[in-house]
C-alpha atoms as a PDB file:
ATOM      1  CA  MET A   1      -0.087 -47.682 -19.050  1.00  0.00           C
ATOM      2  CA  ALA A   2       1.902 -44.632 -18.953  1.00  0.00           C
ATOM      3  CA  THR A   3       0.760 -41.840 -21.082  1.00  0.00           C
ATOM      4  CA  LEU A   4       2.961 -40.196 -23.686  1.00  0.00           C
ATOM      5  CA  ASP A   5       3.585 -37.022 -21.688  1.00  0.00           C
ATOM      6  CA  GLU A   6       4.670 -39.405 -18.739  1.00  0.00           C
ATOM      7  CA  LEU A   7       7.158 -41.251 -20.598  1.00  0.00           C
ATOM      8  CA  ALA A   8       8.550 -38.150 -22.361  1.00  0.00           C
ATOM      9  CA  ALA A   9       8.797 -36.548 -18.605  1.00  0.00           C
ATOM     10  CA  GLN A  10      10.362 -40.019 -17.237  1.00  0.00           C
ATOM     11  CA  PHE A  11      13.368 -39.549 -19.842  1.00  0.00           C
ATOM     12  CA  GLY A  12      13.787 -35.959 -19.486  1.00  0.00           C
ATOM     13  CA  GLY A  13      12.014 -34.936 -22.639  1.00  0.00           C
ATOM     14  CA  SER A  14       8.533 -33.785 -23.766  1.00  0.00           C
ATOM     15  CA  SER A  15       5.903 -34.790 -26.132  1.00  0.00           C
ATOM     16  CA  GLN A  16       5.005 -31.157 -26.946  1.00  0.00           C
ATOM     17  CA  PRO A  17       5.951 -30.024 -30.592  1.00  0.00           C
ATOM     18  CA  PHE A  18       9.008 -27.455 -30.396  1.00  0.00           C
ATOM     19  CA  ASP A  19       6.801 -24.768 -31.842  1.00  0.00           C
ATOM     20  CA  MET A  20       3.837 -24.990 -29.760  1.00  0.00           C
ATOM     21  CA  PRO A  21       4.169 -22.699 -26.679  1.00  0.00           C
ATOM     22  CA  LEU A  22       4.117 -24.079 -23.183  1.00  0.00           C
ATOM     23  CA  GLU A  23       0.651 -24.288 -21.599  1.00  0.00           C
ATOM     24  CA  ALA A  24       2.001 -24.242 -18.083  1.00  0.00           C
ATOM     25  CA  PRO A  25       4.946 -24.276 -16.084  1.00  0.00           C
ATOM     26  CA  GLU A  26       6.685 -27.527 -15.600  1.00  0.00           C
ATOM     27  CA  GLY A  27       4.800 -29.769 -12.784  1.00  0.00           C
ATOM     28  CA  ILE A  28       1.538 -27.994 -13.368  1.00  0.00           C
ATOM     29  CA  ARG A  29      -1.444 -29.657 -14.731  1.00  0.00           C
ATOM     30  CA  VAL A  30      -4.118 -27.660 -16.564  1.00  0.00           C
ATOM     31  CA  PRO A  31      -7.824 -28.677 -16.464  1.00  0.00           C
ATOM     32  CA  TRP A  32      -8.250 -29.530 -20.229  1.00  0.00           C
ATOM     33  CA  GLN A  33      -5.083 -31.868 -20.168  1.00  0.00           C
ATOM     34  CA  GLY A  34      -6.239 -35.330 -21.940  1.00  0.00           C
ATOM     35  CA  LEU A  35      -9.601 -33.833 -22.958  1.00  0.00           C
ATOM     36  CA  PRO A  36     -10.910 -34.144 -26.665  1.00  0.00           C
ATOM     37  CA  PRO A  37      -9.917 -31.218 -28.622  1.00  0.00           C
ATOM     38  CA  LYS A  38     -13.420 -29.475 -28.623  1.00  0.00           C
ATOM     39  CA  LYS A  39     -13.611 -29.921 -24.745  1.00  0.00           C
ATOM     40  CA  ALA A  40      -9.970 -28.700 -24.147  1.00  0.00           C
ATOM     41  CA  ASP A  41     -10.819 -25.539 -26.294  1.00  0.00           C
ATOM     42  CA  GLU A  42     -13.866 -24.771 -23.992  1.00  0.00           C
ATOM     43  CA  ALA A  43     -11.721 -25.319 -20.949  1.00  0.00           C
ATOM     44  CA  ARG A  44      -8.821 -23.173 -21.940  1.00  0.00           C
ATOM     45  CA  LEU A  45     -11.577 -20.429 -22.779  1.00  0.00           C
ATOM     46  CA  ARG A  46     -13.309 -20.488 -19.206  1.00  0.00           C
ATOM     47  CA  ALA A  47      -9.717 -20.514 -17.563  1.00  0.00           C
ATOM     48  CA  SER A  48      -8.955 -17.513 -19.758  1.00  0.00           C
ATOM     49  CA  GLU A  49     -12.206 -15.685 -18.671  1.00  0.00           C
ATOM     50  CA  GLN A  50     -11.646 -16.660 -15.062  1.00  0.00           C
ATOM     51  CA  ALA A  51      -8.083 -15.480 -14.932  1.00  0.00           C
ATOM     52  CA  ARG A  52      -9.012 -12.103 -16.786  1.00  0.00           C
ATOM     53  CA  LYS A  53     -11.845 -11.398 -14.265  1.00  0.00           C
ATOM     54  CA  LYS A  54      -9.565 -12.231 -11.287  1.00  0.00           C
ATOM     55  CA  ILE A  55      -6.693 -10.064 -12.702  1.00  0.00           C
ATOM     56  CA  GLU A  56      -9.288  -7.157 -13.212  1.00  0.00           C
ATOM     57  CA  GLU A  57     -10.667  -7.212  -9.767  1.00  0.00           C
ATOM     58  CA  ASN A  58      -7.152  -7.270  -8.117  1.00  0.00           C
ATOM     59  CA  ALA A  59      -5.997  -4.508 -10.293  1.00  0.00           C
ATOM     60  CA  LYS A  60      -8.978  -2.383  -8.564  1.00  0.00           C
ATOM     61  CA  VAL A  61      -7.785  -3.353  -5.130  1.00  0.00           C
ATOM     62  CA  VAL A  62      -4.203  -1.886  -6.272  1.00  0.00           C
ATOM     63  CA  GLN A  63      -5.695   1.268  -7.738  1.00  0.00           C
ATOM     64  CA  GLN A  64      -7.477   2.085  -4.408  1.00  0.00           C
ATOM     65  CA  GLY A  65      -4.509   1.190  -2.434  1.00  0.00           C
ATOM     66  CA  GLY A  66      -2.570   3.561  -4.431  1.00  0.00           C
ATOM     67  CA  ILE A  67      -5.016   6.276  -3.834  1.00  0.00           C
ATOM     68  CA  VAL A  68      -4.748   5.574  -0.124  1.00  0.00           C
ATOM     69  CA  LEU A  69      -0.894   5.678  -0.507  1.00  0.00           C
ATOM     70  CA  GLN A  70      -1.046   9.148  -2.120  1.00  0.00           C
ATOM     71  CA  ASP A  71      -2.997  10.586   0.521  1.00  0.00           C
ATOM     72  CA  MET A  72      -0.431   9.503   3.155  1.00  0.00           C
ATOM     73  CA  GLU A  73       2.282  10.822   1.054  1.00  0.00           C
ATOM     74  CA  THR A  74       0.527  13.906   0.766  1.00  0.00           C
ATOM     75  CA  PHE A  75       0.263  14.181   4.529  1.00  0.00           C
ATOM     76  CA  GLY A  76       3.982  13.078   4.810  1.00  0.00           C
ATOM     77  CA  ALA A  77       4.786  16.189   2.617  1.00  0.00           C
ATOM     78  CA  LEU A  78       2.494  18.649   4.605  1.00  0.00           C
ATOM     79  CA  ASN A  79       3.968  17.014   7.955  1.00  0.00           C
ATOM     80  CA  ARG A  80       7.591  17.909   6.908  1.00  0.00           C
ATOM     81  CA  GLU A  81       6.550  21.649   6.589  1.00  0.00           C
ATOM     82  CA  SER A  82       4.275  21.922   9.659  1.00  0.00           C
ATOM     83  CA  ARG A  83       5.127  20.302  13.277  1.00  0.00           C
ATOM     84  CA  THR A  84       2.757  17.534  14.583  1.00  0.00           C
ATOM     85  CA  GLY A  85       2.922  16.107  17.933  1.00  0.00           C
ATOM     86  CA  GLU A  86       2.349  16.753  21.730  1.00  0.00           C
ATOM     87  CA  PHE A  87       0.923  20.458  20.993  1.00  0.00           C
ATOM     88  CA  TYR A  88      -1.980  19.142  19.217  1.00  0.00           C
ATOM     89  CA  THR A  89      -2.944  16.332  21.832  1.00  0.00           C
ATOM     90  CA  GLY A  90      -6.337  17.352  23.526  1.00  0.00           C
ATOM     91  CA  ILE A  91      -5.606  20.985  22.745  1.00  0.00           C
ATOM     92  CA  GLN A  92      -6.831  22.117  19.260  1.00  0.00           C
ATOM     93  CA  PRO A  93      -8.173  25.488  18.951  1.00  0.00           C
ATOM     94  CA  GLY A  94      -9.380  25.951  15.529  1.00  0.00           C
ATOM     95  CA  PHE A  95      -8.269  29.376  15.240  1.00  0.00           C
ATOM     96  CA  LEU A  96      -4.606  28.375  15.511  1.00  0.00           C
ATOM     97  CA  LYS A  97      -4.672  25.889  12.559  1.00  0.00           C
ATOM     98  CA  GLY A  98      -3.232  26.817   9.299  1.00  0.00           C
ATOM     99  CA  SER A  99      -4.210  25.406   5.694  1.00  0.00           C
ATOM    100  CA  ALA A 100      -1.305  22.657   6.239  1.00  0.00           C
ATOM    101  CA  GLU A 101      -2.995  21.493   9.473  1.00  0.00           C
ATOM    102  CA  GLN A 102      -6.640  21.528   8.194  1.00  0.00           C
ATOM    103  CA  GLU A 103      -5.631  19.522   5.134  1.00  0.00           C
ATOM    104  CA  MET A 104      -3.817  16.913   7.316  1.00  0.00           C
ATOM    105  CA  GLU A 105      -7.089  16.909   9.493  1.00  0.00           C
ATOM    106  CA  ALA A 106      -9.114  16.290   6.227  1.00  0.00           C
ATOM    107  CA  ILE A 107      -6.784  13.325   5.101  1.00  0.00           C
ATOM    108  CA  THR A 108      -7.199  11.680   8.581  1.00  0.00           C
ATOM    109  CA  SER A 109     -10.995  11.808   8.422  1.00  0.00           C
ATOM    110  CA  ARG A 110     -10.596   9.979   5.069  1.00  0.00           C
ATOM    111  CA  LEU A 111      -8.334   7.250   6.222  1.00  0.00           C
ATOM    112  CA  ALA A 112     -10.533   5.440   8.856  1.00  0.00           C
ATOM    113  CA  PRO A 113      -8.288   2.882  11.061  1.00  0.00           C
ATOM    114  CA  GLY A 114      -9.205  -0.395   9.966  1.00  0.00           C
ATOM    115  CA  GLN A 115     -10.514   0.401   6.762  1.00  0.00           C
ATOM    116  CA  ARG A 116     -10.227  -2.552   4.283  1.00  0.00           C
ATOM    117  CA  ILE A 117      -9.368  -1.118   0.920  1.00  0.00           C
ATOM    118  CA  GLU A 118     -12.195  -1.522  -1.429  1.00  0.00           C
ATOM    119  CA  GLY A 119     -12.164  -4.706  -3.224  1.00  0.00           C
ATOM    120  CA  SER A 120     -10.086  -6.388  -0.625  1.00  0.00           C
ATOM    121  CA  GLY A 121     -12.716  -8.851  -0.101  1.00  0.00           C
ATOM    122  CA  THR A 122     -13.322 -12.668  -0.413  1.00  0.00           C
ATOM    123  CA  THR A 123     -12.878 -12.426  -4.250  1.00  0.00           C
ATOM    124  CA  SER A 124      -9.275 -10.738  -4.168  1.00  0.00           C
ATOM    125  CA  ASP A 125      -6.203 -12.431  -3.664  1.00  0.00           C
ATOM    126  CA  ARG A 126      -5.131 -12.628  -0.161  1.00  0.00           C
ATOM    127  CA  ASP A 127      -1.506 -11.239  -1.118  1.00  0.00           C
ATOM    128  CA  ILE A 128      -3.105  -8.466  -2.835  1.00  0.00           C
ATOM    129  CA  ALA A 129      -5.786  -7.320  -0.067  1.00  0.00           C
ATOM    130  CA  MET A 130      -4.770  -4.156   1.723  1.00  0.00           C
ATOM    131  CA  PHE A 131      -5.862  -2.975   5.017  1.00  0.00           C
ATOM    132  CA  VAL A 132      -5.369   0.759   6.711  1.00  0.00           C
ATOM    133  CA  LYS A 133      -4.267  -0.629  10.309  1.00  0.00           C
ATOM    134  CA  ALA A 134      -3.473   3.131  11.612  1.00  0.00           C
ATOM    135  CA  VAL A 135      -3.892   6.496  10.108  1.00  0.00           C
ATOM    136  CA  PRO A 136      -1.404   9.561  10.301  1.00  0.00           C
ATOM    137  CA  SER A 137      -2.845  12.678  12.233  1.00  0.00           C
ATOM    138  CA  ILE A 138      -1.866  15.747  13.777  1.00  0.00           C
ATOM    139  CA  ASP A 139      -1.612  14.597  17.171  1.00  0.00           C
ATOM    140  CA  LYS A 140       1.113  12.077  16.253  1.00  0.00           C
ATOM    141  CA  LYS A 141       4.970  12.917  15.897  1.00  0.00           C
ATOM    142  CA  GLY A 142       6.473  13.226  12.483  1.00  0.00           C
ATOM    143  CA  ASP A 143       8.379   9.888  12.971  1.00  0.00           C
ATOM    144  CA  VAL A 144       5.351   7.774  14.083  1.00  0.00           C
ATOM    145  CA  ASN A 145       3.326   9.467  10.926  1.00  0.00           C
ATOM    146  CA  GLN A 146       6.185   8.422   8.754  1.00  0.00           C
ATOM    147  CA  SER A 147       6.241   4.707  10.328  1.00  0.00           C
ATOM    148  CA  ILE A 148       2.478   4.504   9.444  1.00  0.00           C
ATOM    149  CA  ARG A 149       3.183   5.510   5.890  1.00  0.00           C
ATOM    150  CA  GLU A 150       5.879   3.423   5.355  1.00  0.00           C
ATOM    151  CA  ASN A 151       4.147   0.091   6.908  1.00  0.00           C
ATOM    152  CA  PHE A 152       1.266   0.852   4.304  1.00  0.00           C
ATOM    153  CA  ALA A 153       3.596   1.320   1.468  1.00  0.00           C
ATOM    154  CA  LYS A 154       5.125  -2.319   2.044  1.00  0.00           C
ATOM    155  CA  GLN A 155       1.652  -3.734   1.491  1.00  0.00           C
ATOM    156  CA  TYR A 156       1.101  -1.541  -1.470  1.00  0.00           C
ATOM    157  CA  ASP A 157       4.236  -2.781  -3.022  1.00  0.00           C
ATOM    158  CA  ARG A 158       3.593  -6.520  -2.105  1.00  0.00           C
ATOM    159  CA  SER A 159       0.158  -6.205  -3.538  1.00  0.00           C
ATOM    160  CA  LYS A 160       1.491  -4.421  -6.665  1.00  0.00           C
ATOM    161  CA  ALA A 161       4.113  -7.004  -7.322  1.00  0.00           C
ATOM    162  CA  LYS A 162       1.792 -10.063  -7.008  1.00  0.00           C
ATOM    163  CA  LEU A 163      -0.522  -8.102  -9.517  1.00  0.00           C
ATOM    164  CA  GLN A 164       2.360  -8.016 -11.886  1.00  0.00           C
ATOM    165  CA  TYR A 165       3.419 -11.509 -11.358  1.00  0.00           C
ATOM    166  CA  LEU A 166      -0.487 -12.609 -12.291  1.00  0.00           C
ATOM    167  CA  GLN A 167      -0.296 -10.447 -15.293  1.00  0.00           C
ATOM    168  CA  ASP A 168       2.804 -11.797 -16.514  1.00  0.00           C
ATOM    169  CA  TYR A 169       1.812 -15.338 -15.869  1.00  0.00           C
ATOM    170  CA  TYR A 170      -1.542 -14.815 -17.754  1.00  0.00           C
ATOM    171  CA  ASP A 171       0.495 -13.174 -20.620  1.00  0.00           C
ATOM    172  CA  GLN A 172       2.718 -16.464 -20.793  1.00  0.00           C
ATOM    173  CA  TYR A 173       0.407 -19.195 -20.464  1.00  0.00           C
ATOM    174  CA  GLY A 174      -3.464 -17.549 -21.023  1.00  0.00           C
ATOM    175  CA  HIS A 175      -4.377 -18.733 -17.645  1.00  0.00           C
ATOM    176  CA  LEU A 176      -3.801 -18.680 -13.737  1.00  0.00           C
ATOM    177  CA  ASN A 177      -3.873 -22.310 -13.126  1.00  0.00           C
ATOM    178  CA  GLY A 178      -0.744 -22.976 -10.693  1.00  0.00           C
ATOM    179  CA  ALA A 179       0.103 -19.298 -10.422  1.00  0.00           C
ATOM    180  CA  ASP A 180      -0.432 -19.199  -6.875  1.00  0.00           C
ATOM    181  CA  THR A 181       1.250 -22.374  -6.090  1.00  0.00           C
ATOM    182  CA  LEU A 182       4.509 -21.068  -8.031  1.00  0.00           C
ATOM    183  CA  TRP A 183       4.237 -17.480  -6.474  1.00  0.00           C
ATOM    184  CA  GLU A 184       6.207 -18.596  -3.312  1.00  0.00           C
ATOM    185  CA  LYS A 185       9.136 -19.133  -5.608  1.00  0.00           C
ATOM    186  CA  GLU A 186       8.667 -16.046  -7.658  1.00  0.00           C
ATOM    187  CA  LYS A 187       7.817 -13.788  -4.762  1.00  0.00           C
ATOM    188  CA  GLU A 188      11.209 -12.348  -3.863  1.00  0.00           C
ATOM    189  CA  ARG A 189      12.142 -11.907  -7.463  1.00  0.00           C
ATOM    190  CA  TYR A 190       8.865  -9.672  -7.877  1.00  0.00           C
ATOM    191  CA  LEU A 191       9.503  -7.822  -4.566  1.00  0.00           C
ATOM    192  CA  ALA A 192      13.165  -7.010  -5.645  1.00  0.00           C
ATOM    193  CA  LYS A 193      11.769  -5.172  -8.568  1.00  0.00           C
ATOM    194  CA  PRO A 194      11.990  -1.438  -8.202  1.00  0.00           C
ATOM    195  CA  GLN A 195       8.682   0.026  -6.958  1.00  0.00           C
ATOM    196  CA  VAL A 196       7.728   3.695  -8.091  1.00  0.00           C
ATOM    197  CA  ALA A 197       6.262   5.592  -4.914  1.00  0.00           C
ATOM    198  CA  ALA A 198       4.134   8.570  -5.386  1.00  0.00           C
ATOM    199  CA  GLN A 199       6.964  10.722  -3.403  1.00  0.00           C
ATOM    200  CA  PRO A 200      10.208   9.899  -2.295  1.00  0.00           C
ATOM    201  CA  MET A 201       9.927   9.587   1.510  1.00  0.00           C
ATOM    202  CA  GLN A 202      12.054  11.908   3.565  1.00  0.00           C
ATOM    203  CA  GLN A 203      13.077  12.298   6.982  1.00  0.00           C
ATOM    204  CA  PRO A 204       9.987  14.111   8.950  1.00  0.00           C
ATOM    205  CA  MET A 205      10.236  17.559   9.916  1.00  0.00           C
ATOM    206  CA  GLN A 206       9.595  16.358  13.411  1.00  0.00           C
ATOM    207  CA  GLU A 207      12.986  15.002  13.306  1.00  0.00           C
ATOM    208  CA  GLN A 208      14.820  17.721  11.436  1.00  0.00           C
ATOM    209  CA  MET A 209      13.627  20.545  13.591  1.00  0.00           C
ATOM    210  CA  ALA A 210      12.153  19.699  16.928  1.00  0.00           C
ATOM    211  CA  GLN A 211      15.523  18.768  18.528  1.00  0.00           C
ATOM    212  CA  PRO A 212      15.530  19.241  22.375  1.00  0.00           C
ATOM    213  CA  THR A 213      16.500  22.828  23.340  1.00  0.00           C
ATOM    214  CA  PRO A 214      16.865  24.236  26.955  1.00  0.00           C
ATOM    215  CA  GLN A 215      13.389  25.523  28.485  1.00  0.00           C
ATOM    216  CA  VAL A 216      14.339  29.010  29.425  1.00  0.00           C
ATOM    217  CA  GLN A 217      10.698  29.922  29.678  1.00  0.00           C
ATOM    218  CA  PRO A 218       7.461  28.279  31.195  1.00  0.00           C
ATOM    219  CA  SER A 219       5.853  25.818  28.819  1.00  0.00           C
ATOM    220  CA  TYR A 220       2.342  24.291  28.489  1.00  0.00           C
ATOM    221  CA  LYS A 221       2.758  21.034  26.684  1.00  0.00           C
ATOM    222  CA  GLY A 222       5.755  21.948  24.694  1.00  0.00           C
ATOM    223  CA  LEU A 223       4.487  25.454  24.063  1.00  0.00           C
ATOM    224  CA  LYS A 224       6.779  28.494  25.154  1.00  0.00           C
ATOM    225  CA  ILE A 225       5.629  31.846  25.970  1.00  0.00           C
ATOM    226  CA  ASN A 226       5.949  34.238  22.951  1.00  0.00           C
ATOM    227  CA  GLN A 227       6.107  31.288  20.591  1.00  0.00           C
ATOM    228  CA  LYS A 228       4.372  31.822  17.285  1.00  0.00           C
ATOM    229  CA  VAL A 229       2.194  29.476  15.457  1.00  0.00           C
ATOM    230  CA  ASN A 230       0.447  30.445  12.407  1.00  0.00           C
ATOM    231  CA  GLY A 231       0.954  33.857  12.828  1.00  0.00           C
ATOM    232  CA  TRP A 232      -0.241  33.885  16.450  1.00  0.00           C
ATOM    233  CA  LYS A 233       1.768  34.501  19.471  1.00  0.00           C
ATOM    234  CA  TYR A 234       1.352  32.593  22.841  1.00  0.00           C
ATOM    235  CA  LEU A 235       1.130  34.904  25.761  1.00  0.00           C
ATOM    236  CA  GLY A 236       0.708  32.206  28.416  1.00  0.00           C
ATOM    237  CA  GLY A 237      -1.997  30.403  29.972  1.00  0.00           C
ATOM    238  CA  ASP A 238      -4.509  27.833  28.469  1.00  0.00           C
ATOM    239  CA  PRO A 239      -3.747  27.471  24.860  1.00  0.00           C
ATOM    240  CA  SER A 240      -7.416  26.595  23.856  1.00  0.00           C
ATOM    241  CA  ASP A 241      -8.397  30.139  25.117  1.00  0.00           C
ATOM    242  CA  GLN A 242      -8.176  32.629  22.439  1.00  0.00           C
ATOM    243  CA  ASN A 243      -7.357  35.369  25.088  1.00  0.00           C
ATOM    244  CA  SER A 244      -3.866  33.546  25.416  1.00  0.00           C
ATOM    245  CA  TRP A 245      -2.833  34.682  22.047  1.00  0.00           C
ATOM    246  CA  SER A 246      -2.303  37.768  20.336  1.00  0.00           C
ATOM    247  CA  LYS A 247      -1.675  38.617  16.572  1.00  0.00           C
END
């Protein structure tokens, strides 16, 4: 024999009183459906606790991802002021590095390639987990560093959108049963919402300033004689030798 809910659904209606809030979206069955009142309340409480725990764990992942993105944005701001790329590839005399280069190197050392964002483990949502697949560094050109930053920002925006969706779902229904099933339908709408970035992304300094120019003097890996770097003038020869420079 069909239940009251099934009969109501068959004829386009609902057995639920008008003043009772929906327990789940249409088509989603909750675990306590059909249970006696006491057991139903216990099942609701367990579902609510599980949902809160999941949201809290994933919120930590998003928070850690935001810290990583902030580091990358800071690197990008420094990169827009200080040229990076071929000059630093294999030739990194410490006395030539200014404070900007030193800070960029410190950021690179914090962002290990392949790093899993803290909390992105088996308990976190697969749509929220984040990974640092590549890191910006002073031996990469500005446009490469920008691409790395933008790729991670996409991961972060996706994670932040899914977390907001889970929170909205929980606020409406008091649990997360069926949330992952409906995420695919809601994903585009949540991803389309404006995402607040740590800093606006701008064209890297490498693209703005390092336009090709005629080579009128001998060069060494892009370094020209009499070129000044952080207050030092290049005299020629091996750039890693301090005798090749003068103040």
